[in-house]
N, C-alpha and C. Protein backbone atom coordinates (compact mmCIF):
# COMPACT_ATOMS: atom_id res chain seq x y z
N MET A 1 -19.22 10.03 -20.46
CA MET A 1 -19.23 9.82 -19.03
C MET A 1 -18.05 8.93 -18.65
N SER A 2 -17.25 9.35 -17.66
CA SER A 2 -16.09 8.56 -17.26
C SER A 2 -16.48 7.58 -16.16
N ALA A 3 -15.76 6.48 -16.13
CA ALA A 3 -16.02 5.47 -15.10
C ALA A 3 -15.48 5.96 -13.77
N ARG A 4 -16.27 5.81 -12.73
CA ARG A 4 -15.87 6.21 -11.40
C ARG A 4 -15.19 5.04 -10.71
N PRO A 5 -14.03 5.28 -10.07
CA PRO A 5 -13.37 4.16 -9.37
C PRO A 5 -14.28 3.60 -8.28
N GLU A 6 -14.25 2.29 -8.15
CA GLU A 6 -15.04 1.63 -7.13
C GLU A 6 -14.48 1.95 -5.75
N HIS A 7 -15.35 2.35 -4.84
CA HIS A 7 -14.94 2.65 -3.47
C HIS A 7 -14.44 1.36 -2.82
N PRO A 8 -13.21 1.36 -2.28
CA PRO A 8 -12.68 0.12 -1.69
C PRO A 8 -13.40 -0.28 -0.41
N THR A 9 -13.57 -1.57 -0.25
CA THR A 9 -14.13 -2.12 0.98
C THR A 9 -13.29 -3.31 1.42
N ILE A 10 -13.23 -3.52 2.73
CA ILE A 10 -12.56 -4.69 3.30
C ILE A 10 -13.57 -5.37 4.21
N THR A 11 -13.84 -6.64 3.93
CA THR A 11 -14.80 -7.41 4.72
C THR A 11 -14.06 -8.55 5.41
N ALA A 12 -14.14 -8.59 6.73
CA ALA A 12 -13.53 -9.67 7.51
C ALA A 12 -14.55 -10.81 7.63
N TYR A 13 -14.24 -11.93 7.02
CA TYR A 13 -15.13 -13.07 7.09
C TYR A 13 -14.83 -13.89 8.34
N PRO A 14 -15.87 -14.27 9.09
CA PRO A 14 -15.64 -15.06 10.30
C PRO A 14 -14.86 -16.34 9.97
N ASP A 15 -13.81 -16.57 10.73
CA ASP A 15 -12.97 -17.77 10.57
C ASP A 15 -12.36 -17.87 9.18
N GLY A 16 -12.18 -16.75 8.49
CA GLY A 16 -11.65 -16.77 7.14
C GLY A 16 -10.86 -15.53 6.79
N PRO A 17 -10.71 -15.27 5.50
CA PRO A 17 -9.84 -14.19 5.04
C PRO A 17 -10.48 -12.81 5.13
N LEU A 18 -9.67 -11.81 4.78
CA LEU A 18 -10.17 -10.46 4.55
C LEU A 18 -10.44 -10.35 3.06
N LEU A 19 -11.66 -10.03 2.68
CA LEU A 19 -12.00 -9.85 1.28
C LEU A 19 -11.89 -8.37 0.95
N VAL A 20 -11.04 -8.05 -0.02
CA VAL A 20 -10.79 -6.67 -0.42
C VAL A 20 -11.38 -6.46 -1.80
N ARG A 21 -12.28 -5.47 -1.88
CA ARG A 21 -12.91 -5.13 -3.16
C ARG A 21 -12.64 -3.67 -3.46
N GLY A 22 -12.40 -3.36 -4.72
CA GLY A 22 -12.25 -1.98 -5.12
C GLY A 22 -10.83 -1.63 -5.53
N ASP A 23 -10.64 -0.36 -5.79
CA ASP A 23 -9.38 0.16 -6.32
C ASP A 23 -8.43 0.48 -5.16
N ILE A 24 -7.46 -0.40 -4.93
CA ILE A 24 -6.46 -0.19 -3.89
C ILE A 24 -5.08 -0.51 -4.44
N ASP A 25 -4.06 0.02 -3.79
CA ASP A 25 -2.68 -0.38 -4.08
C ASP A 25 -2.27 -1.34 -2.98
N LEU A 26 -1.83 -2.53 -3.36
CA LEU A 26 -1.37 -3.54 -2.41
C LEU A 26 0.15 -3.54 -2.44
N VAL A 27 0.79 -3.32 -1.28
CA VAL A 27 2.24 -3.27 -1.21
C VAL A 27 2.74 -4.16 -0.07
N ASP A 28 4.01 -4.59 -0.17
CA ASP A 28 4.60 -5.39 0.90
C ASP A 28 5.15 -4.49 2.00
N ALA A 29 5.81 -5.07 2.99
CA ALA A 29 6.31 -4.31 4.14
C ALA A 29 7.34 -3.25 3.76
N GLU A 30 8.02 -3.45 2.65
CA GLU A 30 9.01 -2.48 2.19
C GLU A 30 8.42 -1.45 1.24
N GLY A 31 7.14 -1.59 0.92
CA GLY A 31 6.48 -0.65 0.02
C GLY A 31 6.50 -1.05 -1.44
N ALA A 32 7.03 -2.22 -1.74
CA ALA A 32 7.05 -2.70 -3.13
C ALA A 32 5.66 -3.19 -3.52
N PRO A 33 5.23 -2.88 -4.74
CA PRO A 33 3.89 -3.30 -5.16
C PRO A 33 3.75 -4.82 -5.24
N ILE A 34 2.57 -5.30 -4.87
CA ILE A 34 2.20 -6.71 -5.02
C ILE A 34 1.14 -6.75 -6.11
N GLU A 35 1.41 -7.49 -7.16
CA GLU A 35 0.51 -7.54 -8.31
C GLU A 35 -0.80 -8.24 -7.95
N ARG A 36 -1.89 -7.61 -8.36
CA ARG A 36 -3.23 -8.18 -8.20
C ARG A 36 -3.68 -8.73 -9.55
N HIS A 37 -4.28 -9.90 -9.52
CA HIS A 37 -4.77 -10.50 -10.77
C HIS A 37 -6.28 -10.47 -10.85
N ARG A 38 -6.93 -9.97 -9.79
CA ARG A 38 -8.40 -9.91 -9.75
C ARG A 38 -8.83 -8.60 -9.10
N ARG A 39 -10.07 -8.20 -9.36
CA ARG A 39 -10.64 -7.01 -8.71
C ARG A 39 -10.89 -7.26 -7.24
N THR A 40 -11.35 -8.47 -6.91
CA THR A 40 -11.60 -8.85 -5.53
C THR A 40 -10.52 -9.84 -5.12
N ILE A 41 -9.89 -9.57 -3.98
CA ILE A 41 -8.84 -10.46 -3.50
C ILE A 41 -9.14 -10.88 -2.06
N ALA A 42 -8.66 -12.06 -1.69
CA ALA A 42 -8.81 -12.57 -0.33
C ALA A 42 -7.42 -12.59 0.29
N LEU A 43 -7.27 -11.87 1.41
CA LEU A 43 -5.99 -11.81 2.10
C LEU A 43 -6.00 -12.75 3.31
N CYS A 44 -4.93 -13.50 3.47
CA CYS A 44 -4.78 -14.48 4.54
C CYS A 44 -4.77 -13.80 5.91
N ARG A 45 -5.50 -14.38 6.86
CA ARG A 45 -5.44 -13.93 8.26
C ARG A 45 -4.86 -15.00 9.17
N CYS A 46 -4.81 -16.25 8.73
CA CYS A 46 -4.35 -17.32 9.62
C CYS A 46 -2.83 -17.45 9.63
N GLY A 47 -2.16 -16.93 8.60
CA GLY A 47 -0.71 -17.01 8.52
C GLY A 47 -0.18 -18.30 7.95
N LEU A 48 -1.06 -19.19 7.49
CA LEU A 48 -0.63 -20.50 7.00
C LEU A 48 -0.65 -20.65 5.48
N SER A 49 -1.13 -19.66 4.76
CA SER A 49 -1.25 -19.76 3.31
C SER A 49 0.10 -19.95 2.64
N ALA A 50 0.12 -20.76 1.60
CA ALA A 50 1.34 -20.97 0.81
C ALA A 50 1.51 -19.87 -0.24
N ILE A 51 0.50 -19.01 -0.40
CA ILE A 51 0.57 -17.95 -1.41
C ILE A 51 0.37 -16.57 -0.76
N LYS A 52 0.92 -16.38 0.44
CA LYS A 52 0.78 -15.11 1.16
C LYS A 52 1.20 -13.95 0.28
N PRO A 53 0.51 -12.85 0.36
CA PRO A 53 -0.48 -12.46 1.35
C PRO A 53 -1.89 -12.95 1.03
N PHE A 54 -2.04 -13.72 -0.04
CA PHE A 54 -3.36 -14.16 -0.47
C PHE A 54 -3.77 -15.44 0.25
N CYS A 55 -5.07 -15.61 0.40
CA CYS A 55 -5.64 -16.79 1.05
C CYS A 55 -5.66 -17.96 0.07
N ASP A 56 -5.30 -19.14 0.54
CA ASP A 56 -5.39 -20.35 -0.28
C ASP A 56 -6.35 -21.38 0.31
N GLY A 57 -7.09 -20.98 1.35
CA GLY A 57 -8.06 -21.88 1.97
C GLY A 57 -7.50 -22.74 3.08
N THR A 58 -6.22 -22.61 3.40
CA THR A 58 -5.59 -23.42 4.43
C THR A 58 -6.24 -23.23 5.80
N HIS A 59 -6.89 -22.09 6.02
CA HIS A 59 -7.52 -21.82 7.31
C HIS A 59 -8.58 -22.85 7.67
N LYS A 60 -9.24 -23.40 6.66
CA LYS A 60 -10.31 -24.37 6.94
C LYS A 60 -9.79 -25.66 7.56
N PRO A 61 -8.86 -26.38 6.88
CA PRO A 61 -8.38 -27.62 7.50
C PRO A 61 -7.56 -27.38 8.77
N ALA A 62 -7.00 -26.17 8.91
CA ALA A 62 -6.21 -25.87 10.10
C ALA A 62 -7.08 -25.52 11.30
N GLY A 63 -8.37 -25.28 11.06
CA GLY A 63 -9.28 -24.95 12.15
C GLY A 63 -9.14 -23.51 12.65
N PHE A 64 -8.66 -22.60 11.80
CA PHE A 64 -8.50 -21.20 12.19
C PHE A 64 -9.82 -20.61 12.64
N ARG A 65 -9.80 -19.91 13.77
CA ARG A 65 -10.99 -19.28 14.32
C ARG A 65 -10.70 -17.82 14.65
N THR A 66 -11.62 -16.94 14.33
CA THR A 66 -11.51 -15.55 14.72
C THR A 66 -12.28 -15.35 16.00
N GLU A 67 -11.96 -14.28 16.71
CA GLU A 67 -12.70 -13.98 17.93
C GLU A 67 -14.07 -13.43 17.58
N ASP A 68 -15.05 -13.69 18.41
CA ASP A 68 -16.41 -13.17 18.18
C ASP A 68 -16.48 -11.71 18.52
């Protein structure tokens, strides 16, 4: 029996990152691949992360808020 790829999901956390789970290709604006080191990744939405496109938690002390 072969392993079935996990269906990708993107979850927007209130006042936080986008959590991406599953088999996806992550690329930059020019289409170059961005290496993933984990199955689940958190993508920055506040624009303040020092490790963009990944979240580093900066949204919390910055007071980032999403719309309801």
